[in-house]
Protein backbone atom coordinates (compact mmCIF):
# COMPACT_ATOMS: atom_id res chain seq x y z
CA UNK A 1 -91.48 77.20 149.95
CA UNK A 2 -88.66 74.94 148.91
CA UNK A 3 -85.89 75.72 146.46
CA UNK A 4 -86.68 75.17 142.79
CA UNK A 5 -83.58 74.33 140.72
CA UNK A 6 -83.87 75.08 137.04
CA UNK A 7 -83.52 71.52 135.76
CA UNK A 8 -83.04 67.92 136.81
CA UNK A 9 -79.31 68.32 136.18
CA UNK A 10 -79.21 71.41 138.33
CA UNK A 11 -81.31 69.69 140.97
CA UNK A 12 -78.77 66.87 141.16
CA UNK A 13 -75.89 69.35 141.42
CA UNK A 14 -77.67 71.33 144.09
CA UNK A 15 -78.47 68.17 146.02
CA UNK A 16 -74.84 67.10 145.86
CA UNK A 17 -73.75 70.49 147.15
CA UNK A 18 -76.30 70.37 149.92
CA UNK A 19 -75.26 66.88 150.95
CA UNK A 20 -71.74 68.21 151.31
CA UNK A 21 -72.41 71.56 152.91
CA UNK A 22 -75.37 70.54 155.02
CA UNK A 23 -74.48 67.53 157.09
CA UNK A 24 -76.31 66.11 160.08
CA UNK A 25 -75.27 68.11 163.14
CA UNK A 26 -75.88 66.44 166.48
CA UNK A 27 -76.53 68.24 169.73
CA UNK A 28 -75.05 67.44 173.11
CA UNK A 29 -78.09 67.72 175.35
CA UNK A 30 -81.39 69.21 174.27
CA UNK A 31 -81.67 71.68 171.47
CA UNK A 32 -82.94 74.74 173.29
CA UNK A 33 -82.95 76.19 176.75
CA UNK A 34 -86.07 75.46 178.78
CA UNK A 35 -88.01 74.60 175.67
CA UNK A 36 -90.40 72.18 177.36
CA UNK A 37 -94.06 73.00 177.57
CA UNK A 38 -94.08 73.05 181.35
CA UNK A 39 -94.47 76.81 181.44
CA UNK A 40 -97.84 76.68 179.70
CA UNK A 41 -98.85 78.66 176.64
CA UNK A 42 -96.27 80.94 175.05
CA UNK A 43 -96.79 84.59 175.89
CA UNK A 44 -95.51 87.88 174.54
CA UNK A 45 -93.72 90.57 176.48
CA UNK A 46 -90.92 90.88 178.98
CA UNK A 47 -87.19 91.53 178.99
CA UNK A 48 -84.55 88.81 178.69
CA UNK A 49 -81.26 89.65 180.39
CA UNK A 50 -78.31 87.63 179.10
CA UNK A 51 -74.86 87.85 180.71
CA UNK A 52 -71.92 87.27 178.35
CA UNK A 53 -68.23 87.18 179.13
CA UNK A 54 -66.84 89.66 176.61
CA UNK A 55 -67.50 92.32 174.00
CA UNK A 56 -65.90 92.23 170.54
CA UNK A 57 -65.94 96.02 170.31
CA UNK A 58 -68.07 95.90 167.17
CA UNK A 59 -71.80 95.57 166.50
CA UNK A 60 -71.73 94.82 162.77
CA UNK A 61 -72.75 91.18 162.17
CA UNK A 62 -70.63 91.04 159.02
CA UNK A 63 -67.49 91.84 161.03
CA UNK A 64 -68.03 89.99 164.32
CA UNK A 65 -66.48 86.58 164.93
CA UNK A 66 -66.71 86.27 168.73
CA UNK A 67 -69.60 84.14 170.01
CA UNK A 68 -70.48 86.43 172.93
CA UNK A 69 -71.22 89.30 170.53
CA UNK A 70 -72.67 87.15 167.75
CA UNK A 71 -75.41 86.16 170.22
CA UNK A 72 -76.74 89.72 170.16
CA UNK A 73 -75.97 91.05 166.66
CA UNK A 74 -77.39 87.91 165.03
CA UNK A 75 -80.85 89.04 166.13
CA UNK A 76 -80.56 92.30 164.13
CA UNK A 77 -80.16 90.82 160.65
CA UNK A 78 -81.89 88.17 158.58
CA UNK A 79 -80.08 86.00 156.02
CA UNK A 80 -81.04 84.82 152.57
CA UNK A 81 -81.26 81.25 153.85
CA UNK A 82 -81.19 79.37 157.15
CA UNK A 83 -79.68 76.02 158.15
CA UNK A 84 -81.66 73.50 160.15
CA UNK A 85 -79.51 72.50 163.16
CA UNK A 86 -81.11 69.06 163.35
CA UNK A 87 -80.72 68.01 159.71
CA UNK A 88 -78.22 70.50 158.28
CA UNK A 89 -80.64 71.26 155.43
CA UNK A 90 -80.57 74.76 153.90
CA UNK A 91 -84.07 76.28 154.07
CA UNK A 92 -85.75 79.54 152.96
CA UNK A 93 -85.58 82.83 154.88
CA UNK A 94 -85.36 86.13 153.01
CA UNK A 95 -85.04 84.10 149.83
CA UNK A 96 -88.18 82.07 149.24
CA UNK A 97 -86.38 79.91 146.66
CA UNK A 98 -83.18 79.71 144.65
CA UNK A 99 -81.73 78.19 141.49
CA UNK A 100 -78.20 76.82 141.22
CA UNK A 101 -76.48 76.29 137.87
CA UNK A 102 -75.29 72.78 137.07
CA UNK A 103 -71.65 73.79 137.61
CA UNK A 104 -72.41 75.68 140.86
CA UNK A 105 -71.01 78.95 139.55
CA UNK A 106 -74.31 80.84 139.50
CA UNK A 107 -76.78 81.23 142.36
CA UNK A 108 -80.08 82.99 141.68
CA UNK A 109 -82.16 84.00 144.71
CA UNK A 110 -85.86 84.85 144.55
CA UNK A 111 -86.60 87.23 147.43
CA UNK A 112 -89.72 87.48 149.55
CA UNK A 113 -91.85 90.54 148.94
CA UNK A 114 -92.89 92.93 151.69
CA UNK A 115 -89.68 92.74 153.73
CA UNK A 116 -88.53 96.03 155.21
CA UNK A 117 -85.58 97.22 157.24
CA UNK A 118 -86.02 99.03 160.53
CA UNK A 119 -85.44 102.39 158.76
CA UNK A 120 -88.46 101.69 156.55
CA UNK A 121 -86.52 100.88 153.38
CA UNK A 122 -87.49 97.79 151.39
CA UNK A 123 -85.55 94.60 150.73
CA UNK A 124 -84.76 94.44 147.02
CA UNK A 125 -82.24 92.71 144.81
CA UNK A 126 -80.29 95.97 144.73
CA UNK A 127 -79.91 95.85 148.53
CA UNK A 128 -78.42 92.36 148.33
CA UNK A 129 -76.08 93.55 145.59
CA UNK A 130 -75.02 96.53 147.71
CA UNK A 131 -74.20 94.16 150.58
CA UNK A 132 -72.26 91.65 148.52
CA UNK A 133 -70.36 94.39 146.67
CA UNK A 134 -69.31 95.95 149.99
CA UNK A 135 -68.25 92.78 151.84
CA UNK A 136 -64.88 92.35 150.05
CA UNK A 137 -63.88 95.82 151.28
CA UNK A 138 -64.56 95.22 154.99
CA UNK A 139 -60.92 94.69 155.94
CA UNK A 140 -59.39 92.93 158.95
CA UNK A 141 -62.61 92.18 160.83
CA UNK A 142 -64.52 90.97 157.79
CA UNK A 143 -62.37 88.00 156.81
CA UNK A 144 -65.12 85.41 157.33
CA UNK A 145 -67.61 87.22 155.11
CA UNK A 146 -64.89 88.06 152.59
CA UNK A 147 -63.89 84.39 152.40
CA UNK A 148 -67.45 83.33 151.69
CA UNK A 149 -67.56 85.70 148.71
CA UNK A 150 -64.02 85.14 147.45
CA UNK A 151 -63.93 84.53 143.72
CA UNK A 152 -67.19 86.38 143.12
CA UNK A 153 -67.39 87.63 139.55
CA UNK A 154 -70.57 89.69 139.79
CA UNK A 155 -73.77 90.27 141.69
CA UNK A 156 -76.53 91.18 139.26
CA UNK A 157 -80.02 92.60 139.74
CA UNK A 158 -82.26 90.48 137.49
CA UNK A 159 -85.47 92.21 138.60
CA UNK A 160 -86.52 93.98 141.83
CA UNK A 161 -86.84 90.71 143.76
CA UNK A 162 -84.33 88.50 141.93
CA UNK A 163 -80.58 88.66 142.41
CA UNK A 164 -77.91 86.53 140.73
CA UNK A 165 -74.47 85.88 142.21
CA UNK A 166 -71.87 84.54 139.78
CA UNK A 167 -68.47 83.14 140.70
CA UNK A 168 -65.37 82.73 138.56
CA UNK A 169 -65.33 79.00 139.35
CA UNK A 170 -67.64 76.45 141.01
CA UNK A 171 -68.35 77.38 144.61
CA UNK A 172 -69.93 74.50 146.53
CA UNK A 173 -69.80 76.33 149.88
CA UNK A 174 -71.74 79.44 148.95
CA UNK A 175 -75.32 78.32 149.61
CA UNK A 176 -74.47 77.43 153.22
CA UNK A 177 -72.56 80.71 153.52
CA UNK A 178 -75.76 82.63 152.82
CA UNK A 179 -77.23 81.18 156.03
CA UNK A 180 -74.52 82.67 158.26
CA UNK A 181 -74.60 85.87 160.31
CA UNK A 182 -71.51 86.99 158.38
CA UNK A 183 -73.62 87.41 155.23
CA UNK A 184 -76.63 88.78 157.10
CA UNK A 185 -78.37 91.38 154.95
CA UNK A 186 -78.14 95.02 156.02
CA UNK A 187 -79.89 98.06 154.58
CA UNK A 188 -78.25 99.75 151.61
CA UNK A 189 -77.49 102.76 153.80
CA UNK A 190 -75.59 100.55 156.24
CA UNK A 191 -73.79 98.68 153.46
CA UNK A 192 -72.48 102.01 152.17
CA UNK A 193 -71.02 103.06 155.54
CA UNK A 194 -67.37 102.51 156.35
CA UNK A 195 -66.49 99.34 158.28
CA UNK A 196 -65.46 101.48 161.24
CA UNK A 197 -68.78 103.33 161.29
CA UNK A 198 -70.72 100.07 161.16
CA UNK A 199 -68.67 98.63 164.01
CA UNK A 200 -69.13 101.55 166.38
CA UNK A 201 -72.64 102.71 165.46
CA UNK A 202 -74.30 99.47 164.48
CA UNK A 203 -76.29 98.66 161.37
CA UNK A 204 -79.87 98.74 160.17
CA UNK A 205 -81.22 95.24 159.59
CA UNK A 206 -84.53 93.57 158.82
CA UNK A 207 -84.26 91.19 161.78
CA UNK A 208 -86.74 90.52 164.61
CA UNK A 209 -84.85 92.89 166.93
CA UNK A 210 -83.37 96.36 166.55
CA UNK A 211 -80.18 97.69 168.12
CA UNK A 212 -81.33 100.23 170.72
CA UNK A 213 -78.07 100.99 172.55
CA UNK A 214 -74.45 99.87 172.56
CA UNK A 215 -72.10 100.74 175.41
CA UNK A 216 -68.73 99.17 174.64
CA UNK A 217 -67.57 96.60 177.21
CA UNK A 218 -70.81 97.07 179.15
CA UNK A 219 -73.99 96.18 177.30
CA UNK A 220 -75.93 95.74 174.06
CA UNK A 221 -79.66 96.46 174.22
CA UNK A 222 -82.14 95.23 171.62
CA UNK A 223 -85.85 96.00 171.24
CA UNK A 224 -88.52 94.06 169.36
CA UNK A 225 -89.06 95.02 165.73
CA UNK A 226 -92.71 96.01 165.39
CA UNK A 227 -94.41 94.52 162.33
CA UNK A 228 -91.78 91.83 161.72
CA UNK A 229 -93.36 89.16 159.50
CA UNK A 230 -90.66 87.35 157.49
CA UNK A 231 -88.91 84.95 159.82
CA UNK A 232 -86.99 81.84 158.85
CA UNK A 233 -89.09 78.94 157.60
CA UNK A 234 -87.74 76.77 160.42
CA UNK A 235 -88.99 79.01 163.26
CA UNK A 236 -92.12 77.94 165.10
CA UNK A 237 -93.64 81.39 165.57
CA UNK A 238 -94.79 83.61 162.74
CA UNK A 239 -94.80 87.38 162.99
CA UNK A 240 -93.09 89.43 165.68
CA UNK A 241 -90.83 88.00 168.37
CA UNK A 242 -92.32 87.31 171.81
CA UNK A 243 -89.80 89.34 173.82
CA UNK A 244 -90.10 93.11 174.03
CA UNK A 245 -86.47 93.67 174.93
CA UNK A 246 -83.16 91.83 175.27
CA UNK A 247 -80.21 93.14 177.27
CA UNK A 248 -76.78 91.56 176.89
CA UNK A 249 -74.61 92.51 179.85
CA UNK A 250 -70.84 92.04 179.73
CA UNK A 251 -69.79 90.18 182.90
CA UNK A 252 -66.21 88.88 182.45
CA UNK A 253 -66.04 86.68 185.57
CA UNK A 254 -67.60 83.24 185.05
CA UNK A 255 -68.41 82.85 188.75
CA UNK A 256 -70.19 86.19 188.85
CA UNK A 257 -72.25 85.25 185.79
CA UNK A 258 -73.25 81.96 187.43
CA UNK A 259 -74.15 83.69 190.69
CA UNK A 260 -76.25 86.26 188.84
CA UNK A 261 -78.19 83.47 187.14
CA UNK A 262 -78.73 81.61 190.42
CA UNK A 263 -79.99 84.75 192.13
CA UNK A 264 -82.32 85.70 189.29
CA UNK A 265 -80.49 88.91 188.35
CA UNK A 266 -80.09 87.56 184.81
CA UNK A 267 -82.08 85.02 182.81
CA UNK A 268 -79.28 83.33 180.85
CA UNK A 269 -75.48 83.24 180.75
CA UNK A 270 -72.85 82.26 178.21
CA UNK A 271 -69.75 80.11 178.63
CA UNK A 272 -70.68 78.07 181.68
CA UNK A 273 -67.40 76.65 182.95
CA UNK A 274 -66.76 73.29 184.58
CA UNK A 275 -66.26 74.93 187.99
CA UNK A 276 -69.80 76.34 187.95
CA UNK A 277 -71.70 73.31 186.61
CA UNK A 278 -72.41 71.68 189.98
CA UNK A 279 -73.76 74.87 191.54
CA UNK A 280 -76.13 75.48 188.62
CA UNK A 281 -77.46 71.94 188.32
CA UNK A 282 -80.62 71.00 190.14
CA UNK A 283 -81.94 74.51 190.69
CA UNK A 284 -84.09 76.72 188.53
CA UNK A 285 -81.50 76.53 185.76
CA UNK A 286 -81.06 74.32 182.71
CA UNK A 287 -77.61 73.74 181.22
CA UNK A 288 -77.72 73.49 177.43
CA UNK A 289 -74.82 72.17 175.36
CA UNK A 290 -73.99 71.85 171.69
CA UNK A 291 -70.69 71.05 169.98
CA UNK A 292 -69.57 73.78 167.59
CA UNK A 293 -68.71 72.73 164.03
CA UNK A 294 -65.65 74.24 162.34
CA UNK A 295 -61.98 74.63 163.26
CA UNK A 296 -61.34 73.40 166.79
CA UNK A 297 -59.54 75.28 169.54
CA UNK A 298 -55.80 74.96 169.16
CA UNK A 299 -52.45 76.69 168.81
CA UNK A 300 -52.57 78.53 165.50
CA UNK A 301 -48.95 79.11 164.54
CA UNK A 302 -47.39 81.99 162.68
CA UNK A 303 -45.64 79.62 160.31
CA UNK A 304 -43.27 82.32 159.07
CA UNK A 305 -41.49 82.65 162.44
CA UNK A 306 -37.93 81.29 162.16
CA UNK A 307 -38.41 78.74 164.95
CA UNK A 308 -41.80 77.61 163.62
CA UNK A 309 -40.69 77.22 160.01
CA UNK A 310 -39.28 73.86 161.10
CA UNK A 311 -42.12 71.32 160.91
CA UNK A 312 -40.35 69.16 163.49
CA UNK A 313 -40.77 71.86 166.14
CA UNK A 314 -44.45 72.30 165.33
CA UNK A 315 -45.03 68.54 165.31
CA UNK A 316 -43.17 68.13 168.61
CA UNK A 317 -45.47 70.65 170.25
CA UNK A 318 -48.43 68.62 169.02
CA UNK A 319 -47.09 65.38 170.48
CA UNK A 320 -46.32 67.06 173.81
CA UNK A 321 -49.94 68.09 174.40
CA UNK A 322 -52.27 65.80 176.35
CA UNK A 323 -55.63 66.74 174.84
CA UNK A 324 -57.74 64.45 177.00
CA UNK A 325 -56.26 65.85 180.20
CA UNK A 326 -57.08 69.38 179.04
CA UNK A 327 -60.64 68.49 177.96
CA UNK A 328 -61.37 66.61 181.18
CA UNK A 329 -59.70 69.08 183.56
CA UNK A 330 -60.66 72.48 182.18
CA UNK A 331 -63.66 72.24 179.90
CA UNK A 332 -67.38 71.62 180.51
CA UNK A 333 -68.71 68.10 180.86
CA UNK A 334 -68.93 66.33 177.51
CA UNK A 335 -66.17 68.32 175.80
CA UNK A 336 -64.17 66.14 173.41
CA UNK A 337 -60.44 66.27 172.69
CA UNK A 338 -59.66 67.31 169.13
CA UNK A 339 -59.38 64.39 166.71
CA UNK A 340 -58.79 66.56 163.62
CA UNK A 341 -58.46 70.21 162.71
CA UNK A 342 -62.27 70.07 162.25
CA UNK A 343 -64.76 69.27 164.98
CA UNK A 344 -66.65 66.00 164.59
CA UNK A 345 -69.91 67.88 163.89
CA UNK A 346 -68.47 69.45 160.73
CA UNK A 347 -69.43 68.08 157.31
CA UNK A 348 -66.73 65.78 155.89
CA UNK A 349 -64.86 65.57 159.19
CA UNK A 350 -62.14 62.88 159.19
CA UNK A 351 -60.97 61.13 162.36
CA UNK A 352 -57.22 61.76 162.60
CA UNK A 353 -56.89 60.81 166.25
CA UNK A 354 -53.99 58.48 165.39
CA UNK A 355 -52.03 61.56 164.30
CA UNK A 356 -52.96 63.51 167.43
CA UNK A 357 -51.62 61.22 170.13
CA UNK A 358 -49.68 62.26 173.22
CA UNK A 359 -46.09 61.04 172.95
CA UNK A 360 -43.53 63.00 175.01
CA UNK A 361 -40.69 60.73 173.90
CA UNK A 362 -41.47 61.40 170.24
CA UNK A 363 -41.70 65.14 170.95
CA UNK A 364 -38.24 65.10 172.54
CA UNK A 365 -36.81 63.06 169.68
CA UNK A 366 -38.13 65.54 167.10
CA UNK A 367 -36.66 68.47 169.03
CA UNK A 368 -33.34 66.67 169.33
CA UNK A 369 -33.34 66.09 165.58
CA UNK A 370 -34.08 69.76 165.00
CA UNK A 371 -30.99 70.70 167.01
CA UNK A 372 -32.69 71.90 170.19
CA UNK A 373 -30.71 70.65 173.19
CA UNK A 374 -31.88 70.43 176.78
CA UNK A 375 -30.95 73.51 178.83
CA UNK A 376 -30.02 73.84 182.49
CA UNK A 377 -33.38 75.42 183.33
CA UNK A 378 -35.33 72.77 181.44
CA UNK A 379 -35.90 74.93 178.36
CA UNK A 380 -34.07 73.80 175.23
CA UNK A 381 -31.56 76.00 173.42
CA UNK A 382 -30.02 76.23 169.97
CA UNK A 383 -27.29 78.62 168.82
CA UNK A 384 -27.56 80.42 172.13
CA UNK A 385 -31.33 81.03 171.84
CA UNK A 386 -34.05 79.50 174.00
CA UNK A 387 -36.93 77.53 172.53
CA UNK A 388 -39.54 79.90 173.87
CA UNK A 389 -42.77 81.01 172.21
CA UNK A 390 -45.49 83.50 173.11
CA UNK A 391 -49.13 82.58 172.59
CA UNK A 392 -51.67 85.40 172.28
CA UNK A 393 -55.14 84.83 173.67
CA UNK A 394 -58.29 86.79 174.45
CA UNK A 395 -60.59 86.49 177.50
CA UNK A 396 -63.76 85.61 175.59
CA UNK A 397 -64.12 82.30 177.43
CA UNK A 398 -63.34 81.30 181.01
CA UNK A 399 -61.59 78.16 179.75
CA UNK A 400 -58.94 79.94 177.68
CA UNK A 401 -56.43 80.80 180.41
CA UNK A 402 -56.57 77.53 182.40
CA UNK A 403 -56.30 75.51 179.17
CA UNK A 404 -53.22 77.45 178.13
CA UNK A 405 -51.68 77.17 181.60
CA UNK A 406 -52.01 73.39 181.37
CA UNK A 407 -50.49 73.40 177.87
CA UNK A 408 -47.69 75.55 179.26
CA UNK A 409 -46.91 72.83 181.82
CA UNK A 410 -47.09 70.06 179.23
CA UNK A 411 -44.72 71.85 176.84
CA UNK A 412 -42.22 72.66 179.56
CA UNK A 413 -41.93 68.93 180.26
CA UNK A 414 -40.35 68.47 176.80
CA UNK A 415 -38.28 71.65 176.94
CA UNK A 416 -40.50 74.22 175.22
CA UNK A 417 -41.12 77.51 177.01
CA UNK A 418 -44.53 79.09 176.51
CA UNK A 419 -45.38 82.64 177.56
CA UNK A 420 -49.05 83.63 177.72
CA UNK A 421 -49.98 87.08 176.43
CA UNK A 422 -53.51 88.29 177.03
CA UNK A 423 -54.96 90.67 174.45
CA UNK A 424 -58.20 92.62 174.45
CA UNK A 425 -60.85 91.01 172.27
CA UNK A 426 -60.57 93.90 169.82
CA UNK A 427 -56.81 93.39 169.45
CA UNK A 428 -56.78 89.81 168.16
CA UNK A 429 -57.77 90.35 164.51
CA UNK A 430 -55.36 93.27 163.95
CA UNK A 431 -52.58 91.28 165.63
CA UNK A 432 -53.15 88.29 163.36
CA UNK A 433 -53.31 90.58 160.35
CA UNK A 434 -50.02 92.24 161.29
CA UNK A 435 -48.20 88.93 161.70
CA UNK A 436 -46.56 90.17 164.91
CA UNK A 437 -47.15 87.03 166.97
CA UNK A 438 -45.80 83.50 167.46
CA UNK A 439 -49.02 81.60 168.09
CA UNK A 440 -52.63 82.34 168.89
CA UNK A 441 -55.21 80.35 170.86
CA UNK A 442 -58.16 80.33 168.51
CA UNK A 443 -61.02 78.52 166.87
CA UNK A 444 -63.49 79.36 164.09
CA UNK A 445 -67.08 78.12 164.00
CA UNK A 446 -68.79 77.22 160.74
CA UNK A 447 -71.00 74.33 159.66
CA UNK A 448 -69.12 73.81 156.42
CA UNK A 449 -65.60 72.43 155.81
CA UNK A 450 -64.74 75.38 153.58
CA UNK A 451 -63.75 77.07 156.84
CA UNK A 452 -60.38 75.35 156.18
CA UNK A 453 -59.95 77.40 153.00
CA UNK A 454 -60.93 80.60 154.81
CA UNK A 455 -58.36 79.85 157.50
CA UNK A 456 -55.42 78.27 155.69
CA UNK A 457 -55.46 79.24 152.00
CA UNK A 458 -52.51 81.43 150.99
CA UNK A 459 -54.86 83.09 148.50
CA UNK A 460 -57.03 84.61 151.22
CA UNK A 461 -56.12 86.41 154.46
CA UNK A 462 -53.54 83.75 155.45
CA UNK A 463 -53.22 85.08 159.00
CA UNK A 464 -51.18 82.01 159.93
CA UNK A 465 -48.57 82.66 157.20
CA UNK A 466 -48.84 79.13 155.83
CA UNK A 467 -46.37 78.68 152.96
CA UNK A 468 -47.57 77.92 149.44
CA UNK A 469 -47.88 74.14 149.21
CA UNK A 470 -50.16 71.54 147.55
CA UNK A 471 -52.63 72.36 150.36
CA UNK A 472 -53.72 75.37 148.30
CA UNK A 473 -54.73 73.19 145.38
CA UNK A 474 -56.70 70.87 147.64
CA UNK A 475 -58.52 73.72 149.39
CA UNK A 476 -59.39 75.37 146.08
CA UNK A 477 -60.52 72.06 144.66
CA UNK A 478 -62.94 71.21 147.47
CA UNK A 479 -64.62 74.59 147.07
CA UNK A 480 -64.97 74.09 143.33
CA UNK A 481 -66.44 70.59 143.10
CA UNK A 482 -70.15 69.83 143.17
CA UNK A 483 -69.48 66.10 143.47
CA UNK A 484 -70.15 65.27 147.13
CA UNK A 485 -67.85 62.23 147.17
CA UNK A 486 -64.98 64.03 145.50
CA UNK A 487 -65.39 67.03 147.76
CA UNK A 488 -65.30 64.80 150.83
CA UNK A 489 -62.07 63.21 149.63
CA UNK A 490 -60.45 66.62 149.10
CA UNK A 491 -61.58 67.84 152.52
CA UNK A 492 -60.05 64.70 154.04
CA UNK A 493 -56.76 65.45 152.26
CA UNK A 494 -56.82 69.03 153.53
CA UNK A 495 -57.28 67.87 157.11
CA UNK A 496 -54.40 65.42 156.76
CA UNK A 497 -52.07 68.05 155.30
CA UNK A 498 -52.86 70.59 158.02
CA UNK A 499 -52.60 68.12 160.90
CA UNK A 500 -49.54 66.21 159.71
CA UNK A 501 -47.63 69.38 158.85
CA UNK A 502 -48.82 70.92 162.14
CA UNK A 503 -49.62 74.31 160.62
CA UNK A 504 -52.02 74.44 163.55
CA UNK A 505 -52.03 72.12 166.57
CA UNK A 506 -55.64 71.06 167.34
CA UNK A 507 -56.32 70.70 171.06
CA UNK A 508 -60.00 70.53 172.00
CA UNK A 509 -63.42 70.88 170.39
CA UNK A 510 -65.40 73.91 171.44
CA UNK A 511 -68.65 72.96 173.12
CA UNK A 512 -71.04 75.82 173.69
CA UNK A 513 -72.62 75.54 177.14
CA UNK A 514 -75.10 78.12 178.30
CA UNK A 515 -77.14 78.39 181.47
CA UNK A 516 -80.82 79.27 181.09
CA UNK A 517 -83.41 79.97 183.78
CA UNK A 518 -86.25 77.46 183.62
CA UNK A 519 -88.77 80.26 183.17
CA UNK A 520 -87.16 80.94 179.76
CA UNK A 521 -88.51 78.81 176.92
CA UNK A 522 -87.30 78.10 173.36
CA UNK A 523 -83.92 79.74 173.66
CA UNK A 524 -82.64 77.73 170.73
CA UNK A 525 -79.28 76.94 169.18
CA UNK A 526 -78.82 77.46 165.47
CA UNK A 527 -76.69 75.23 163.22
CA UNK A 528 -73.50 77.00 164.30
CA UNK A 529 -74.33 76.61 168.01
CA UNK A 530 -75.22 80.26 168.43
CA UNK A 531 -78.61 81.36 169.71
CA UNK A 532 -81.80 82.50 168.00
CA UNK A 533 -84.24 84.55 170.10
CA UNK A 534 -87.25 85.06 167.83
CA UNK A 535 -89.14 82.09 169.33
CA UNK A 536 -87.95 82.73 172.91
CA UNK A 537 -90.46 83.64 175.61
CA UNK A 538 -90.56 84.07 179.37
CA UNK A 539 -93.27 82.65 181.58
């Protein structure tokens, strides 16, 4: 079914919101691994083994932000809506339809009947309320989900299969938010557990797969949900998934993952690096690519650090970085240098490439003006202190360290020292929350520009310690308007303010590249360039 707004006025408002939050997302390469019909008729059964590079240390979809773990936990939960990766349109899933008030403050979802969780409990409006009431209390790891529900006034049970979510002000981003894994619906019992319990023990979902076993830093094992019959309206198969079992193995070394795929020990791998592309091409492997929407990879500054409070220092670092060299040298084929704080596949992206040029002379001039003088060892000094920063990073992608090592060289050429500090995947969120860091190598994927508010608003988590500025008003305004043109203008202003003030230095767009054995069919990307395994089969 399609959504049924309550009036023509509401229909126009909903359409405007959808045009803004659901933009055309283009894929680099085909849309799903081995999805051709060459393998014959789809068949049920079998185990898919997928090698990923890292483990987030948590198996709660509402708290996980690392792609390697999202791949697995996404299969456990369903969402109220789904987003078509080809058109960006929001389509039914657990909600068969929805109504949006003319001012986009109230969202009423009409749920499908007959949906059950893997513990046997039923999906009801009360379950959705239990989830949405619990999300704001998740803490450090739940910032994405918390941001999507910020400003919520109430979640009300209208009847057993109708739930109404009301916000204090217009919230144009919310419908798209309901399609994300971060707002995946869990059983009431899971929603009432502590965030720590959900992370370590997993959750009960209504999804096509069930969490069978989790061994931290080793593997996540899923089994098919028997009787599953309420998949997304955009999936090609109805009923249960084809696969009986899926095993995600943690294999940190990119070369080992590639070798395991070549030898047939695994059926798919994440994060295929440039160094392994040639070896994987031409064999029984397909390389699938898709650019991730959202905030690009870059140096996310702690803007409260004394050295980084000076915009000239932050801007100089931006001008010292050669983005094209990094994209071409380190990242997979087709990766694009950042041309804004948002990737080009994000709704309302604005090309700010003229602000993100490489200009070593300008970088040096800015540092001179800020009082940082060239030192004998090449690193600038001021008042007896060296211009040296530490960037925290996690090994969830093989490209992270070589990219930072190249940035390290580029910054040294203008007199900025950069020390690389590797953290465990589980340490990044608490470190950002604590504020005990200079800069972090990070990105955030979301197919809606409101990710800028989640990341940079001083009214939310504000991990990057951005000072209160007119940026707050712009970010709040874009989330509140249902006028697609006006929202686009505000999102453009937000990008300009972030880039030109260098609160974050964008470096390169994340392009998801996975390797898939040709015997694997319909291993598809979703709108956020993560994978969906319901339609996947082996044969």
